[in-house]
Each structure stands twice: as structure tokens, then as C-alpha cells.
Protein backbone atom coordinates (compact mmCIF):
# COMPACT_ATOMS: atom_id res chain seq x y z
CA MET A 1 -0.04 -0.18 0.01
CA SER A 2 1.33 3.54 -0.92
CA GLU A 3 1.71 6.33 1.63
CA THR A 4 -1.09 8.17 -0.22
CA GLU A 5 -3.36 5.15 0.11
CA LEU A 6 -2.68 4.52 3.98
CA TYR A 7 -3.35 8.02 4.75
CA LEU A 8 -6.66 8.12 2.77
CA GLY A 9 -7.64 5.38 4.91
CA LEU A 10 -6.61 7.23 8.12
CA TYR A 11 -8.54 10.26 6.84
CA ARG A 12 -11.79 8.04 6.37
CA ARG A 13 -11.30 6.68 9.71
CA MET A 14 -10.99 10.22 11.30
CA ARG A 15 -13.99 11.28 9.22
CA VAL A 16 -16.00 8.39 10.59
CA ILE A 17 -15.06 9.37 14.30
CA ARG A 18 -16.00 12.93 13.77
CA GLY A 19 -19.37 11.81 12.15
CA VAL A 20 -20.12 9.39 14.80
CA GLU A 21 -19.71 12.10 17.43
CA GLU A 22 -21.81 14.43 15.69
CA LEU A 23 -24.50 11.80 15.52
CA VAL A 24 -24.09 10.87 19.12
CA GLN A 25 -24.29 14.60 20.19
CA SER A 26 -27.78 14.69 18.17
CA LEU A 27 -28.85 11.71 19.79
CA PHE A 28 -27.92 12.80 23.01
CA LEU A 29 -29.87 16.22 22.65
CA ARG A 30 -32.98 14.12 21.45
CA GLY A 31 -32.87 12.11 24.61
CA GLU A 32 -31.74 8.85 22.97
CA VAL A 33 -28.72 8.46 24.75
CA TYR A 34 -28.67 7.06 28.35
CA GLY A 35 -26.32 8.50 30.87
CA THR A 36 -23.60 10.95 30.12
CA THR A 37 -21.37 11.06 27.24
CA HIS A 38 -17.95 12.81 26.41
CA LEU A 39 -17.02 13.59 22.79
CA TYR A 40 -13.87 13.25 20.92
CA SER A 41 -14.34 15.86 18.27
CA GLY A 42 -11.20 17.51 17.49
CA GLN A 43 -8.74 14.95 18.77
CA GLU A 44 -9.10 12.48 15.94
CA ALA A 45 -5.70 12.53 14.86
CA VAL A 46 -4.41 11.07 18.07
CA ALA A 47 -6.55 7.96 18.16
CA VAL A 48 -6.16 7.23 14.45
CA GLY A 49 -2.39 8.08 14.16
CA LEU A 50 -1.79 5.88 17.33
CA ALA A 51 -4.07 3.07 16.13
CA SER A 52 -2.17 2.77 12.82
CA THR A 53 0.93 1.68 14.55
CA LEU A 54 -0.46 -1.14 16.76
CA ASP A 55 -0.64 -4.66 16.34
CA PRO A 56 -4.08 -6.56 16.78
CA GLU A 57 -2.73 -8.25 20.08
CA ASP A 58 -1.68 -5.15 21.74
CA ARG A 59 -3.84 -3.73 24.65
CA LEU A 60 -5.40 -0.34 24.97
CA ALA A 61 -6.97 1.45 27.66
CA CYS A 62 -8.96 4.70 27.42
CA THR A 63 -10.51 7.48 29.16
CA TYR A 64 -14.32 8.13 29.48
CA ARG A 65 -13.68 10.08 26.24
CA GLY A 66 -13.03 6.86 24.49
CA HIS A 67 -15.16 6.72 21.45
CA GLY A 68 -12.44 7.77 19.08
CA HIS A 69 -9.95 5.20 20.16
CA LEU A 70 -12.67 2.33 20.05
CA LEU A 71 -13.42 3.34 16.49
CA ALA A 72 -9.86 3.78 15.38
CA ARG A 73 -9.02 0.38 16.91
CA GLY A 74 -11.59 -1.13 14.51
CA LEU A 75 -15.05 -1.17 16.42
CA GLU A 76 -17.83 -0.68 13.96
CA PRO A 77 -19.72 2.56 14.33
CA GLU A 78 -22.94 0.61 14.63
CA ALA A 79 -21.84 -1.51 17.55
CA LEU A 80 -20.86 1.73 19.22
CA VAL A 81 -23.94 3.93 18.56
CA ALA A 82 -26.16 1.13 19.45
CA GLU A 83 -24.35 0.71 22.87
CA LEU A 84 -24.95 4.29 23.66
CA VAL A 85 -28.66 4.03 22.76
CA GLY A 86 -28.90 1.08 25.03
CA ARG A 87 -29.76 -1.43 22.53
CA ALA A 88 -28.96 -5.20 22.75
CA THR A 89 -26.81 -5.03 19.47
CA GLY A 90 -24.20 -2.68 21.08
CA VAL A 91 -20.78 -3.90 21.77
CA ASN A 92 -21.60 -4.72 25.36
CA GLY A 93 -25.26 -5.57 24.75
CA GLY A 94 -26.42 -2.08 25.47
CA ARG A 95 -25.50 -2.16 29.17
CA SER A 96 -22.28 -0.19 29.45
CA GLY A 97 -23.09 3.40 28.28
CA SER A 98 -20.61 5.97 27.05
CA MET A 99 -17.92 5.80 29.82
CA ASN A 100 -17.56 2.08 30.40
CA MET A 101 -17.18 0.34 27.05
CA VAL A 102 -15.03 -2.85 26.52
CA ASP A 103 -14.18 -4.14 23.20
CA ILE A 104 -12.41 -7.57 23.71
CA GLU A 105 -12.27 -8.39 20.11
CA HIS A 106 -9.99 -5.42 19.41
CA ASN A 107 -8.26 -5.58 22.74
CA VAL A 108 -9.60 -2.31 24.17
CA ILE A 109 -9.57 -3.36 27.69
CA GLY A 110 -11.79 -0.54 28.93
CA CYS A 111 -12.94 3.16 29.07
CA PHE A 112 -12.48 4.48 32.49
CA GLY A 113 -14.61 6.99 34.24
CA ILE A 114 -12.12 7.36 37.10
CA VAL A 115 -9.66 9.89 36.08
CA GLY A 116 -6.41 8.02 35.47
CA GLY A 117 -7.85 4.71 35.88
CA SER A 118 -6.64 3.87 32.32
CA ILE A 119 -2.93 4.39 33.25
CA ALA A 120 -3.26 1.75 36.03
CA ALA A 121 -5.07 -0.72 33.75
CA ALA A 122 -2.68 -0.45 30.99
CA THR A 123 0.30 -0.90 33.47
CA GLY A 124 -1.14 -4.03 34.80
CA ALA A 125 -1.83 -5.28 31.18
CA ALA A 126 1.95 -4.45 30.46
CA LEU A 127 3.08 -6.53 33.38
CA ALA A 128 1.19 -9.56 32.05
CA LEU A 129 2.49 -8.88 28.51
CA LYS A 130 5.98 -8.51 29.22
CA GLY A 131 8.34 -10.86 27.11
CA THR A 132 5.34 -11.52 24.55
CA GLY A 133 6.24 -8.80 21.99
CA SER A 134 2.91 -7.22 22.60
CA ILE A 135 2.55 -3.83 24.46
CA ALA A 136 -0.25 -2.03 26.46
CA VAL A 137 -1.08 1.62 25.89
CA CYS A 138 -2.87 3.93 28.03
CA ALA A 139 -4.73 7.25 26.72
CA PHE A 140 -5.42 9.76 29.48
CA GLY A 141 -5.86 13.53 29.61
CA ASP A 142 -3.72 16.31 31.01
CA GLY A 143 -5.87 16.40 34.28
CA ALA A 144 -4.87 12.61 34.98
CA ALA A 145 -1.22 13.77 35.26
CA ASN A 146 -2.01 15.25 38.43
CA GLN A 147 -3.30 12.02 39.92
CA ALA A 148 -1.19 9.39 41.92
CA TYR A 149 -1.95 6.79 39.34
CA PHE A 150 0.44 8.72 37.11
CA PHE A 151 3.21 8.80 39.26
CA GLU A 152 2.81 5.40 40.70
CA CYS A 153 2.63 3.68 37.38
CA LEU A 154 5.38 5.70 35.65
CA ASN A 155 7.77 4.51 38.63
CA PHE A 156 6.54 0.90 38.52
CA ALA A 157 6.71 0.66 34.82
CA LYS A 158 10.24 2.20 34.64
CA VAL A 159 11.54 -0.03 37.51
CA LEU A 160 10.29 -3.19 35.93
CA SER A 161 11.02 -2.17 32.37
CA LEU A 162 7.32 -2.69 31.26
CA PRO A 163 6.13 -2.62 27.52
CA VAL A 164 3.64 0.30 28.27
CA LEU A 165 3.18 3.45 26.16
CA PHE A 166 1.82 6.53 28.22
CA LEU A 167 -0.28 8.48 25.71
CA CYS A 168 -0.96 11.90 27.29
CA GLU A 169 -3.90 13.59 25.21
CA ASN A 170 -3.21 17.22 26.37
CA ASN A 171 -6.27 18.93 25.27
CA GLY A 172 -5.72 22.00 27.39
CA TYR A 173 -8.37 21.37 29.88
CA GLY A 174 -9.12 19.42 32.85
CA GLU A 175 -13.01 19.23 32.44
CA TYR A 176 -13.73 23.20 32.52
CA THR A 177 -10.40 24.15 34.05
CA PRO A 178 -7.43 25.56 31.99
CA MET A 179 -4.52 23.18 32.52
CA GLU A 180 -1.99 25.98 33.30
CA GLU A 181 -4.19 26.91 36.28
CA VAL A 182 -3.87 23.43 38.11
CA THR A 183 -0.75 21.91 36.39
CA ALA A 184 3.03 23.01 37.29
CA GLY A 185 5.67 22.62 34.60
CA ARG A 186 5.78 20.58 31.73
CA ILE A 187 3.90 17.30 32.05
CA ALA A 188 6.62 15.54 29.84
CA ALA A 189 9.17 16.52 32.42
CA ARG A 190 7.59 14.50 34.87
CA ALA A 191 8.31 11.42 32.66
CA GLU A 192 11.82 12.64 32.16
CA ALA A 193 12.66 12.95 35.91
CA MET A 194 11.92 9.17 36.01
CA GLU A 195 14.16 8.73 33.08
CA VAL A 196 11.32 7.58 30.98
CA PRO A 197 11.76 8.77 27.37
CA ALA A 198 9.44 11.52 26.64
CA VAL A 199 8.15 12.88 23.29
CA GLN A 200 5.83 15.99 22.64
CA VAL A 201 3.94 15.73 19.10
CA ASP A 202 1.42 17.88 17.42
CA GLY A 203 -1.93 16.05 18.08
CA MET A 204 -3.71 17.78 15.33
CA ASP A 205 -1.58 16.29 12.49
CA VAL A 206 -2.12 12.54 11.88
CA TRP A 207 1.05 12.24 9.95
CA ALA A 208 3.13 13.69 13.02
CA VAL A 209 1.15 11.52 15.33
CA ARG A 210 1.86 8.34 13.33
CA GLU A 211 5.42 9.03 12.99
CA ALA A 212 5.89 9.79 16.78
CA ALA A 213 4.13 6.65 17.69
CA LEU A 214 5.96 4.37 15.34
CA SER A 215 9.05 5.28 16.94
CA ALA A 216 7.50 5.18 20.49
CA VAL A 217 5.95 1.82 19.90
CA GLU A 218 9.19 0.17 18.78
CA ARG A 219 11.02 1.39 21.67
CA VAL A 220 8.07 -0.12 23.86
CA ARG A 221 8.46 -3.36 22.19
CA GLY A 222 12.15 -3.35 23.00
CA GLY A 223 11.25 -3.37 26.58
CA GLU A 224 11.08 0.14 27.99
CA PRO A 225 8.11 2.41 28.79
CA VAL A 226 7.82 5.58 26.91
CA PHE A 227 5.85 8.81 27.39
CA LEU A 228 4.20 10.54 24.43
CA GLU A 229 2.27 13.86 24.98
CA ALA A 230 -0.10 14.87 22.03
CA LEU A 231 -0.89 18.54 22.04
CA THR A 232 -4.64 18.60 20.94
CA TYR A 233 -7.84 20.33 21.52
CA ARG A 234 -11.58 19.31 21.70
CA PHE A 235 -13.95 21.25 19.75
CA VAL A 236 -16.99 20.44 22.11
CA GLY A 237 -17.78 20.94 25.87
CA HIS A 238 -16.48 18.49 28.47
CA SER A 239 -19.72 16.40 28.45
CA ARG A 240 -23.25 16.28 27.73
CA SER A 241 -24.56 19.79 26.55
CA ASP A 242 -21.66 21.95 28.04
CA PRO A 243 -21.55 24.74 25.61
CA GLY A 244 -17.98 25.60 26.63
CA LYS A 245 -18.42 29.23 27.54
CA TYR A 246 -15.55 29.23 29.96
CA ARG A 247 -13.13 29.24 26.89
CA PRO A 248 -11.52 32.77 26.07
CA GLU A 249 -12.94 34.39 23.13
CA GLY A 250 -11.48 33.39 19.90
CA GLU A 251 -9.56 30.31 21.18
CA LEU A 252 -12.02 27.83 19.70
CA ASP A 253 -11.71 29.55 16.20
CA ARG A 254 -7.97 29.47 16.16
CA TRP A 255 -7.80 25.74 17.03
CA ARG A 256 -10.50 25.04 14.40
CA GLN A 257 -7.98 26.34 11.77
CA ARG A 258 -5.80 23.31 12.84
CA ASP A 259 -8.75 20.80 12.55
CA PRO A 260 -7.26 17.48 12.02
CA LEU A 261 -9.58 16.83 9.10
CA THR A 262 -8.41 19.98 7.48
CA VAL A 263 -4.95 19.43 7.95
CA ALA A 264 -5.13 15.85 6.49
CA ARG A 265 -7.06 17.14 3.45
CA GLN A 266 -4.58 19.76 2.69
CA ARG A 267 -1.77 17.16 3.11
CA LEU A 268 -3.38 14.63 0.85
CA GLU A 269 -4.20 17.35 -1.78
CA SER A 270 -0.38 18.28 -1.76
CA LEU A 271 0.31 14.88 -2.53
CA GLY A 272 -1.96 14.62 -5.57
CA VAL A 273 -5.07 13.49 -4.45
CA ASP A 274 -8.25 14.97 -6.33
CA PRO A 275 -10.46 16.90 -3.87
CA ALA A 276 -13.42 15.26 -5.53
CA ARG A 277 -12.08 11.78 -4.00
CA LEU A 278 -12.03 13.40 -0.39
CA GLU A 279 -15.56 14.76 -0.96
CA GLN A 280 -16.70 11.44 -2.04
CA ILE A 281 -15.35 9.91 1.13
CA ASP A 282 -17.28 12.56 3.03
CA ARG A 283 -20.55 11.67 1.40
CA ASP A 284 -20.06 7.81 1.74
CA VAL A 285 -19.49 8.17 5.57
CA GLU A 286 -22.35 10.51 5.87
CA GLU A 287 -24.58 7.86 4.22
CA ASP A 288 -23.15 5.07 6.06
CA LEU A 289 -23.96 6.84 9.35
CA THR A 290 -27.49 7.59 8.35
CA GLY A 291 -28.08 3.83 8.04
CA VAL A 292 -26.19 3.23 11.31
CA GLU A 293 -28.64 5.71 13.14
CA GLN A 294 -31.78 4.17 11.56
CA ARG A 295 -30.61 0.34 12.48
CA SER A 296 -29.32 1.32 16.08
CA LEU A 297 -32.74 3.10 17.02
CA ALA A 298 -34.71 0.23 15.40
CA ALA A 299 -32.74 -2.59 17.36
CA PRO A 300 -34.17 -4.21 20.48
CA PHE A 301 -33.55 -3.32 24.00
CA PRO A 302 -31.65 -6.02 26.04
CA GLU A 303 -33.76 -8.49 27.89
CA PRO A 304 -33.77 -8.29 31.71
CA GLY A 305 -31.80 -10.91 33.34
CA PRO A 306 -28.00 -11.69 34.00
CA VAL A 307 -25.48 -9.46 32.16
CA PRO A 308 -24.23 -11.63 29.04
CA GLU A 309 -20.49 -12.66 28.93
CA PHE A 310 -18.22 -10.96 26.53
CA ALA A 311 -15.38 -13.18 25.85
């Protein structure tokens, strides 16, 4: 596969994630989504760039903002959307909701509502994977870097040389609070202090994320933990119907100029891809998601009784 075809596939995957999140927001506002939900719009390049470097056997633990990673790893949009609307055809039988999904088929070992929970889960998975050639990855936000999980697990992974990649998705906000108001110094410096190799990358550029992740994953497979900080931005509020009014005027507009989809389109066009081909991808994704919405809402609710096993 040529580089252009590879990145066309990554562009389509990012477009699917954006489209699913827009659909989920619409369903939520119409009262179809049960519980809360945290959208990933704006951060697509991180999940997609990372997933393109992983093997099927690698484990991934996510935050409660995990839709993008689930889709990037290969979960079908209908299985995700059906789960969010509580249908039996969902990936966990309609019983998990947005924050607690697990996708055993694609080795996503959980989305965690506890801040920093993904760090501990992936570190434990790495302990089990040591010596197998597979690795564990934890995706977490900048706010989790202030949790005890972060320091304890980095130390544990370094001392035992565990195959774990610590991926900090620094979107600038811990819920509604700007990172700089609650976080001292550089987050990457905390990993460096424990002699864990640390790299910072432009999280709005799928090329940059993939290249950084390829190098990081190779080092992790070699038997050492690595810290990767992706500088990104969420285009939506923290959760539910949060309008994000706490953001400074013009901040969102400035970040939208670096929309991962726009960045990817411009790069692909510079490589000679016909814009009409990208527009066709957009139309195809939109059409597919229309069917996903219809089938998900038409699917049955789970039957009362014991929770089914997902093995």
C-alpha cells in the first residue's frame, strides 16, 4: 500500500469518528442516549495515528472520552452507537453506556470514568504482556497527570521495564479548568524525571502522530516504557450539553484552523489526491452513518436478566 492510500484510509477513519460524534451529540440532545457522554471531536488524529501503529494483540485502555479510540481500533460505528442508545446490538449488549465500554475483540480493555484509571489498567496489562512482544497503551488527559496513578505507574513501569506506552492527550482542559491553572511545569518533564523517554507531538496532525507513535511503539516493544504527549484540542464542551463558555474568546476559532480533518485534506491534496475523492469519502461516511442511526434505533433493548458474557 502506498503512503497516499494509507493516509486516505486514516482520513476516512477520522471522518468516521467525527461523524459518529456529531451523531451521538444529536442523539443525546434528542434524549436517545442514556447517561452522560464525552465527545472526541477535534482529537481524531491522536487515536487514528496511534492505532495505525499497533498490532491486533496490543492492549489499549482509554478514558471516558474513548469513542475515538474504540473506532480507531476497529469497532464498527453501529456497535458503538447501538451501545450508547442502550440496544442489545451494542458492543456490550446495551449495558455499558458511554464511559465504560469494553471491546475484547479489538483488545480495548476498557474506558474508565475514574480519572487516571486507564493508566493503572494498562500498566497492569503490560505486566502480563512482558516478554510476549505485545504492548499496552494507556490514553489519558492532562488532568490525569496530577493523579497518583500517573506517578505510581510511571515509576512501576520504569523499575520493571514494562512494555507500556503512556499517551497523554493534552487538550488544554481538565474538565472546565485550563491546564495551566492546575498543573505546574511541563507534563513531559515528569516522565523525564523518572528517566522515561518523553516526546511531545502535534496532536492535530495525523502524520506527526503516526511518525512519533511508530518510534515510541518500537522502543516499547524493545522493553522500555515511553511517554508520548499529544498537544490537541476538543472542539466541544467537556460533556453532555456543555457549551464551553469558559473558553477565552477566539480560542476555539484558532484551534479550528488546525482541524485534523482540514490538516489531513490539505496534506493529501498536496500529494496529488483529487479533492473530489475526499468529498466522496465524506459523502460515503455520511450515508453510512444515516443507516447506522436508523438500525441502532430500530434494534431491540436488552432483555432483563443476567448480564451476558463478552469473551
